[in-house]
C-alpha cells in the first residue's frame, strides 16, 4: 500500500513539470468543481473542424530554460555540496529521502577520509 501511495505521489509530482500554468489552473478548477455558468448561450457552428482532432494538440509545451549540460552541472554541484542544499533536497524528495541521502553522503566522505589518511601507511604488495 505504501508503494502505491509513493508511486501516485511521484507521478503527480512529475506531472506538474510537464504542464503549463494554464493547464494546471484548469485541472485544479475541474477537481474543485466548476461553479461557472455561462450568461449567454450561443449556437455552435457544426461546419468548423476541430484542428486538435485532426493534427493533434496545437498547444506548445514549455521548453527547458537550460540545456542538458547545465542540468547535469547543477546536479553534480547539488550532490557534492549536499549540506548546503538541504532545503532543495527536502523540496525535491521527502525527509526520509533526505536522511538516506545524507547518510550515504557521510559514509562516502568518511571512507574517502580514511582512505586518504591511511594511504601512505599501507604497503602495496
N, C-alpha and C. Protein backbone atom coordinates (compact mmCIF):
# COMPACT_ATOMS: atom_id res chain seq x y z
N UNK A 1 0.82 -1.19 0.00
CA UNK A 1 0.00 0.00 0.00
C UNK A 1 0.87 1.26 0.00
N UNK A 2 1.95 1.25 0.77
CA UNK A 2 2.82 2.41 0.80
C UNK A 2 3.50 2.63 -0.54
N UNK A 3 3.84 1.55 -1.23
CA UNK A 3 4.46 1.67 -2.53
C UNK A 3 3.51 2.32 -3.53
N UNK A 4 2.24 1.94 -3.49
CA UNK A 4 1.25 2.54 -4.39
C UNK A 4 1.09 4.03 -4.11
N UNK A 5 1.03 4.39 -2.83
CA UNK A 5 0.91 5.80 -2.47
C UNK A 5 2.13 6.59 -2.93
N UNK A 6 3.30 5.99 -2.78
CA UNK A 6 4.53 6.65 -3.21
C UNK A 6 4.53 6.84 -4.72
N UNK A 7 4.11 5.81 -5.47
CA UNK A 7 4.09 5.92 -6.92
C UNK A 7 3.08 6.96 -7.39
N UNK A 8 1.93 7.02 -6.75
CA UNK A 8 0.93 8.04 -7.09
C UNK A 8 1.49 9.43 -6.83
N UNK A 9 2.12 9.60 -5.67
CA UNK A 9 2.72 10.89 -5.32
C UNK A 9 3.79 11.28 -6.34
N UNK A 10 4.61 10.31 -6.73
CA UNK A 10 5.71 10.57 -7.66
C UNK A 10 5.17 10.94 -9.04
N UNK A 11 4.13 10.24 -9.51
CA UNK A 11 3.55 10.55 -10.82
C UNK A 11 2.92 11.93 -10.83
N UNK A 12 2.25 12.30 -9.73
CA UNK A 12 1.68 13.64 -9.66
C UNK A 12 2.77 14.70 -9.67
N UNK A 13 3.85 14.43 -8.98
CA UNK A 13 4.96 15.37 -8.90
C UNK A 13 5.61 15.56 -10.27
N UNK A 14 5.81 14.45 -10.98
CA UNK A 14 6.39 14.52 -12.32
C UNK A 14 5.41 15.20 -13.27
N UNK A 15 4.12 14.93 -13.11
CA UNK A 15 3.12 15.52 -13.98
C UNK A 15 3.06 17.03 -13.89
N UNK A 16 3.43 17.59 -12.75
CA UNK A 16 3.42 19.04 -12.60
C UNK A 16 4.46 19.70 -13.50
N UNK A 17 5.57 19.03 -13.74
CA UNK A 17 6.63 19.62 -14.55
C UNK A 17 6.30 19.56 -16.04
N UNK A 18 5.37 18.74 -16.44
CA UNK A 18 5.05 18.56 -17.85
C UNK A 18 3.90 19.45 -18.30
N UNK A 19 3.38 20.28 -17.40
CA UNK A 19 2.21 21.09 -17.73
C UNK A 19 2.57 22.56 -17.69
N UNK A 20 1.87 23.32 -18.52
CA UNK A 20 2.00 24.76 -18.44
C UNK A 20 1.07 25.26 -17.35
N UNK A 21 1.24 26.52 -16.98
CA UNK A 21 0.49 27.06 -15.84
C UNK A 21 -1.01 27.04 -16.09
N UNK A 22 -1.44 27.33 -17.33
CA UNK A 22 -2.87 27.34 -17.58
C UNK A 22 -3.46 25.94 -17.49
N UNK A 23 -2.68 24.90 -17.86
CA UNK A 23 -3.18 23.53 -17.75
C UNK A 23 -3.38 23.14 -16.29
N UNK A 24 -2.45 23.56 -15.44
CA UNK A 24 -2.57 23.27 -14.01
C UNK A 24 -3.78 23.99 -13.43
N UNK A 25 -4.01 25.24 -13.84
CA UNK A 25 -5.15 26.01 -13.34
C UNK A 25 -6.47 25.36 -13.75
N UNK A 26 -6.56 24.94 -15.00
CA UNK A 26 -7.79 24.29 -15.48
C UNK A 26 -8.03 22.99 -14.73
N UNK A 27 -6.96 22.22 -14.53
CA UNK A 27 -7.10 20.94 -13.81
C UNK A 27 -7.56 21.16 -12.36
N UNK A 28 -7.02 22.18 -11.72
CA UNK A 28 -7.43 22.47 -10.34
C UNK A 28 -8.89 22.90 -10.28
N UNK A 29 -9.33 23.68 -11.26
CA UNK A 29 -10.74 24.10 -11.28
C UNK A 29 -11.67 22.91 -11.48
N UNK A 30 -11.25 21.97 -12.32
CA UNK A 30 -12.07 20.78 -12.54
C UNK A 30 -12.15 19.95 -11.28
N UNK A 31 -11.01 19.80 -10.59
CA UNK A 31 -11.00 19.00 -9.36
C UNK A 31 -11.83 19.65 -8.25
N UNK A 32 -11.80 20.97 -8.18
CA UNK A 32 -12.56 21.67 -7.13
C UNK A 32 -14.04 21.80 -7.48
N UNK A 33 -14.35 21.64 -8.73
CA UNK A 33 -15.74 21.76 -9.16
C UNK A 33 -15.94 23.08 -9.88
N UNK A 34 -16.58 23.01 -11.01
CA UNK A 34 -16.80 24.22 -11.78
C UNK A 34 -18.11 24.86 -11.34
N UNK A 35 -18.02 26.07 -10.86
CA UNK A 35 -19.22 26.78 -10.42
C UNK A 35 -19.56 27.89 -11.40
N UNK A 36 -19.07 27.79 -12.59
CA UNK A 36 -19.29 28.82 -13.60
C UNK A 36 -20.46 28.42 -14.49
N UNK A 37 -21.39 29.33 -14.66
CA UNK A 37 -22.50 29.09 -15.58
C UNK A 37 -22.51 30.24 -16.59
N UNK A 38 -22.51 29.93 -17.87
CA UNK A 38 -22.46 31.00 -18.87
C UNK A 38 -23.75 31.81 -18.88
N UNK A 39 -23.60 33.11 -19.09
CA UNK A 39 -24.77 34.00 -19.11
C UNK A 39 -25.44 34.00 -20.47
N UNK A 40 -24.63 33.89 -21.51
CA UNK A 40 -25.19 33.89 -22.86
C UNK A 40 -25.07 32.49 -23.44
N UNK A 41 -26.04 32.10 -24.17
CA UNK A 41 -25.96 30.83 -24.88
C UNK A 41 -25.72 31.14 -26.35
N UNK A 42 -24.86 30.39 -26.95
CA UNK A 42 -24.53 30.61 -28.36
C UNK A 42 -24.76 29.32 -29.14
N UNK A 43 -25.04 29.49 -30.41
CA UNK A 43 -25.19 28.34 -31.29
C UNK A 43 -23.81 27.86 -31.70
N UNK A 44 -23.62 26.57 -31.66
CA UNK A 44 -22.35 26.01 -32.09
C UNK A 44 -22.35 25.84 -33.59
N UNK A 45 -21.24 26.21 -34.20
CA UNK A 45 -21.12 26.06 -35.65
C UNK A 45 -20.63 24.65 -35.93
N UNK A 46 -21.45 23.89 -36.58
CA UNK A 46 -21.10 22.49 -36.84
C UNK A 46 -20.24 22.33 -38.09
N UNK A 47 -20.09 23.39 -38.89
CA UNK A 47 -19.30 23.26 -40.11
C UNK A 47 -17.80 23.46 -39.87
N UNK A 48 -17.40 23.85 -38.66
CA UNK A 48 -15.98 24.04 -38.36
C UNK A 48 -15.37 22.72 -37.88
N UNK A 49 -14.13 22.51 -38.25
CA UNK A 49 -13.42 21.28 -37.87
C UNK A 49 -12.49 21.60 -36.70
N UNK A 50 -12.46 20.72 -35.75
CA UNK A 50 -11.56 20.88 -34.61
C UNK A 50 -10.15 20.46 -35.04
N UNK A 51 -9.24 21.41 -35.04
CA UNK A 51 -7.87 21.15 -35.51
C UNK A 51 -7.17 20.17 -34.58
N UNK A 52 -7.49 20.20 -33.29
CA UNK A 52 -6.85 19.28 -32.35
C UNK A 52 -7.14 17.83 -32.69
N UNK A 53 -8.33 17.56 -33.19
CA UNK A 53 -8.68 16.19 -33.53
C UNK A 53 -8.00 15.74 -34.82
N UNK A 54 -7.70 16.67 -35.70
CA UNK A 54 -7.10 16.31 -36.98
C UNK A 54 -5.59 16.14 -36.87
N UNK A 55 -4.90 17.14 -36.28
CA UNK A 55 -3.45 17.11 -36.25
C UNK A 55 -2.86 16.85 -34.88
N UNK A 56 -3.63 16.69 -33.88
CA UNK A 56 -3.10 16.55 -32.52
C UNK A 56 -3.13 17.89 -31.82
N UNK A 57 -2.55 17.95 -30.67
CA UNK A 57 -2.59 19.16 -29.86
C UNK A 57 -1.79 20.28 -30.51
N UNK A 58 -2.36 21.47 -30.56
CA UNK A 58 -1.67 22.62 -31.12
C UNK A 58 -1.04 23.49 -30.05
N UNK A 59 -1.19 23.12 -28.79
CA UNK A 59 -0.64 23.93 -27.72
C UNK A 59 0.84 23.61 -27.55
N UNK A 60 1.67 24.62 -27.49
CA UNK A 60 3.11 24.36 -27.33
C UNK A 60 3.43 23.92 -25.91
N UNK A 61 4.37 23.00 -25.81
CA UNK A 61 4.84 22.57 -24.49
C UNK A 61 5.98 23.48 -24.07
N UNK A 62 6.11 23.67 -22.78
CA UNK A 62 7.18 24.51 -22.25
C UNK A 62 8.52 23.85 -22.51
N UNK A 63 9.45 24.63 -23.01
CA UNK A 63 10.79 24.11 -23.27
C UNK A 63 11.68 24.43 -22.07
N UNK A 64 12.64 23.57 -21.79
CA UNK A 64 13.52 23.86 -20.66
C UNK A 64 14.32 25.13 -20.89
N UNK A 65 14.60 25.85 -19.80
CA UNK A 65 15.34 27.10 -19.90
C UNK A 65 16.83 26.86 -20.08
N UNK A 66 17.33 25.74 -19.62
CA UNK A 66 18.75 25.45 -19.75
C UNK A 66 18.94 24.10 -20.45
N UNK A 67 20.14 23.91 -20.98
CA UNK A 67 20.39 22.68 -21.72
C UNK A 67 20.79 21.54 -20.79
N UNK A 68 21.10 20.40 -21.38
CA UNK A 68 21.40 19.19 -20.62
C UNK A 68 22.67 19.34 -19.80
N UNK A 69 23.66 20.02 -20.37
CA UNK A 69 24.94 20.18 -19.65
C UNK A 69 24.76 20.99 -18.37
N UNK A 70 23.96 22.04 -18.44
CA UNK A 70 23.75 22.86 -17.24
C UNK A 70 22.96 22.07 -16.19
N UNK A 71 21.99 21.30 -16.63
CA UNK A 71 21.23 20.48 -15.69
C UNK A 71 22.14 19.46 -15.02
N UNK A 72 23.03 18.85 -15.79
CA UNK A 72 23.99 17.90 -15.22
C UNK A 72 24.94 18.57 -14.25
N UNK A 73 25.40 19.77 -14.60
CA UNK A 73 26.29 20.52 -13.71
C UNK A 73 25.60 20.87 -12.41
N UNK A 74 24.34 21.33 -12.49
CA UNK A 74 23.59 21.64 -11.27
C UNK A 74 23.41 20.39 -10.41
N UNK A 75 23.17 19.25 -11.04
CA UNK A 75 23.02 18.01 -10.30
C UNK A 75 24.28 17.61 -9.58
N UNK A 76 25.41 17.71 -10.27
CA UNK A 76 26.70 17.35 -9.64
C UNK A 76 27.01 18.30 -8.50
N UNK A 77 26.76 19.58 -8.69
CA UNK A 77 27.02 20.55 -7.62
C UNK A 77 26.13 20.27 -6.42
N UNK A 78 24.86 19.94 -6.66
CA UNK A 78 23.96 19.68 -5.53
C UNK A 78 24.31 18.39 -4.80
N UNK A 79 24.95 17.46 -5.48
CA UNK A 79 25.39 16.23 -4.81
C UNK A 79 26.67 16.48 -4.03
N UNK A 80 27.63 17.16 -4.66
CA UNK A 80 28.91 17.40 -3.98
C UNK A 80 28.77 18.34 -2.79
N UNK A 81 27.92 19.34 -2.91
CA UNK A 81 27.71 20.31 -1.83
C UNK A 81 26.38 20.06 -1.14
N UNK A 82 26.10 18.81 -0.87
CA UNK A 82 24.82 18.39 -0.29
C UNK A 82 24.42 19.15 0.98
N UNK A 83 25.31 19.35 1.94
CA UNK A 83 24.88 20.04 3.17
C UNK A 83 24.38 21.47 2.94
N UNK A 84 24.81 22.10 1.86
CA UNK A 84 24.38 23.47 1.58
C UNK A 84 23.05 23.54 0.84
N UNK A 85 22.58 22.42 0.34
CA UNK A 85 21.33 22.38 -0.41
C UNK A 85 20.28 21.52 0.28
N UNK A 86 20.22 21.57 1.60
CA UNK A 86 19.28 20.73 2.36
C UNK A 86 17.83 21.09 2.02
N UNK A 87 17.53 22.38 1.94
CA UNK A 87 16.15 22.79 1.64
C UNK A 87 15.71 22.32 0.25
N UNK A 88 16.63 22.36 -0.71
CA UNK A 88 16.31 21.89 -2.05
C UNK A 88 16.04 20.39 -2.05
N UNK A 89 16.86 19.62 -1.32
CA UNK A 89 16.68 18.17 -1.25
C UNK A 89 15.35 17.83 -0.58
N UNK A 90 14.98 18.57 0.47
CA UNK A 90 13.69 18.32 1.14
C UNK A 90 12.54 18.61 0.17
N UNK A 91 12.67 19.70 -0.60
CA UNK A 91 11.61 20.06 -1.55
C UNK A 91 11.47 19.02 -2.65
N UNK A 92 12.57 18.47 -3.13
CA UNK A 92 12.53 17.52 -4.23
C UNK A 92 12.25 16.09 -3.78
N UNK A 93 12.61 15.74 -2.56
CA UNK A 93 12.33 14.39 -2.05
C UNK A 93 11.48 14.53 -0.80
N UNK A 94 11.68 13.66 0.17
CA UNK A 94 11.00 13.75 1.45
C UNK A 94 12.05 13.81 2.55
N UNK A 95 11.59 13.96 3.79
CA UNK A 95 12.53 14.00 4.91
C UNK A 95 13.28 12.67 5.04
N UNK A 96 12.57 11.57 4.83
CA UNK A 96 13.21 10.25 4.91
C UNK A 96 14.23 10.10 3.78
N UNK A 97 13.87 10.55 2.59
CA UNK A 97 14.81 10.50 1.47
C UNK A 97 16.05 11.33 1.75
N UNK A 98 15.85 12.49 2.37
CA UNK A 98 16.99 13.34 2.72
C UNK A 98 17.89 12.64 3.73
N UNK A 99 17.31 11.98 4.72
CA UNK A 99 18.10 11.27 5.72
C UNK A 99 18.91 10.16 5.06
N UNK A 100 18.30 9.42 4.14
CA UNK A 100 19.03 8.37 3.42
C UNK A 100 20.18 8.93 2.59
N UNK A 101 19.91 10.01 1.89
CA UNK A 101 20.95 10.61 1.04
C UNK A 101 22.08 11.17 1.90
N UNK A 102 21.75 11.81 3.01
CA UNK A 102 22.79 12.36 3.89
C UNK A 102 23.60 11.25 4.52
N UNK A 103 22.96 10.14 4.90
CA UNK A 103 23.72 9.03 5.48
C UNK A 103 24.68 8.43 4.45
N UNK A 104 24.24 8.29 3.20
CA UNK A 104 25.14 7.81 2.15
C UNK A 104 26.27 8.81 1.90
N UNK A 105 25.95 10.08 1.90
CA UNK A 105 26.95 11.13 1.69
C UNK A 105 28.01 11.09 2.80
N UNK A 106 27.57 10.97 4.05
CA UNK A 106 28.51 10.92 5.18
C UNK A 106 29.37 9.67 5.12
N UNK A 107 28.79 8.54 4.74
CA UNK A 107 29.59 7.31 4.67
C UNK A 107 30.64 7.39 3.56
N UNK A 108 30.31 8.00 2.44
CA UNK A 108 31.28 8.16 1.36
C UNK A 108 32.39 9.12 1.79
N UNK A 109 32.02 10.23 2.43
CA UNK A 109 33.04 11.18 2.90
C UNK A 109 33.95 10.53 3.94
N UNK A 110 33.38 9.73 4.84
CA UNK A 110 34.17 9.05 5.86
C UNK A 110 35.13 8.05 5.22
N UNK A 111 34.64 7.28 4.26
CA UNK A 111 35.52 6.29 3.61
C UNK A 111 36.63 6.98 2.81
N UNK A 112 36.33 8.08 2.15
CA UNK A 112 37.37 8.82 1.43
C UNK A 112 38.41 9.39 2.39
N UNK A 113 37.95 9.91 3.52
CA UNK A 113 38.87 10.46 4.52
C UNK A 113 39.78 9.38 5.08
N UNK A 114 39.22 8.24 5.43
CA UNK A 114 40.02 7.13 5.96
C UNK A 114 41.02 6.65 4.91
N UNK A 115 40.58 6.54 3.68
CA UNK A 115 41.48 6.09 2.61
C UNK A 115 42.65 7.06 2.44
N UNK A 116 42.35 8.36 2.37
CA UNK A 116 43.41 9.34 2.17
C UNK A 116 44.34 9.45 3.38
N UNK A 117 43.82 9.24 4.57
CA UNK A 117 44.63 9.34 5.78
C UNK A 117 45.60 8.16 5.89
N UNK A 118 45.14 6.97 5.57
CA UNK A 118 45.97 5.77 5.71
C UNK A 118 46.63 5.34 4.40
N UNK A 119 46.56 6.14 3.35
CA UNK A 119 47.08 5.74 2.04
C UNK A 119 48.58 5.49 2.07
N UNK A 120 49.33 6.37 2.71
CA UNK A 120 50.79 6.24 2.72
C UNK A 120 51.27 5.14 3.66
N UNK A 121 50.50 4.84 4.70
CA UNK A 121 50.96 3.85 5.67
C UNK A 121 50.70 2.41 5.23
N UNK A 122 49.89 2.20 4.21
CA UNK A 122 49.59 0.85 3.74
C UNK A 122 50.61 0.47 2.67
N UNK A 123 51.22 -0.69 2.84
CA UNK A 123 52.19 -1.18 1.86
C UNK A 123 51.45 -1.95 0.77
N UNK A 124 51.76 -1.63 -0.44
CA UNK A 124 51.16 -2.34 -1.56
C UNK A 124 52.01 -3.56 -1.88
N UNK A 125 51.40 -4.70 -2.00
CA UNK A 125 52.15 -5.95 -2.27
C UNK A 125 52.00 -6.37 -3.70
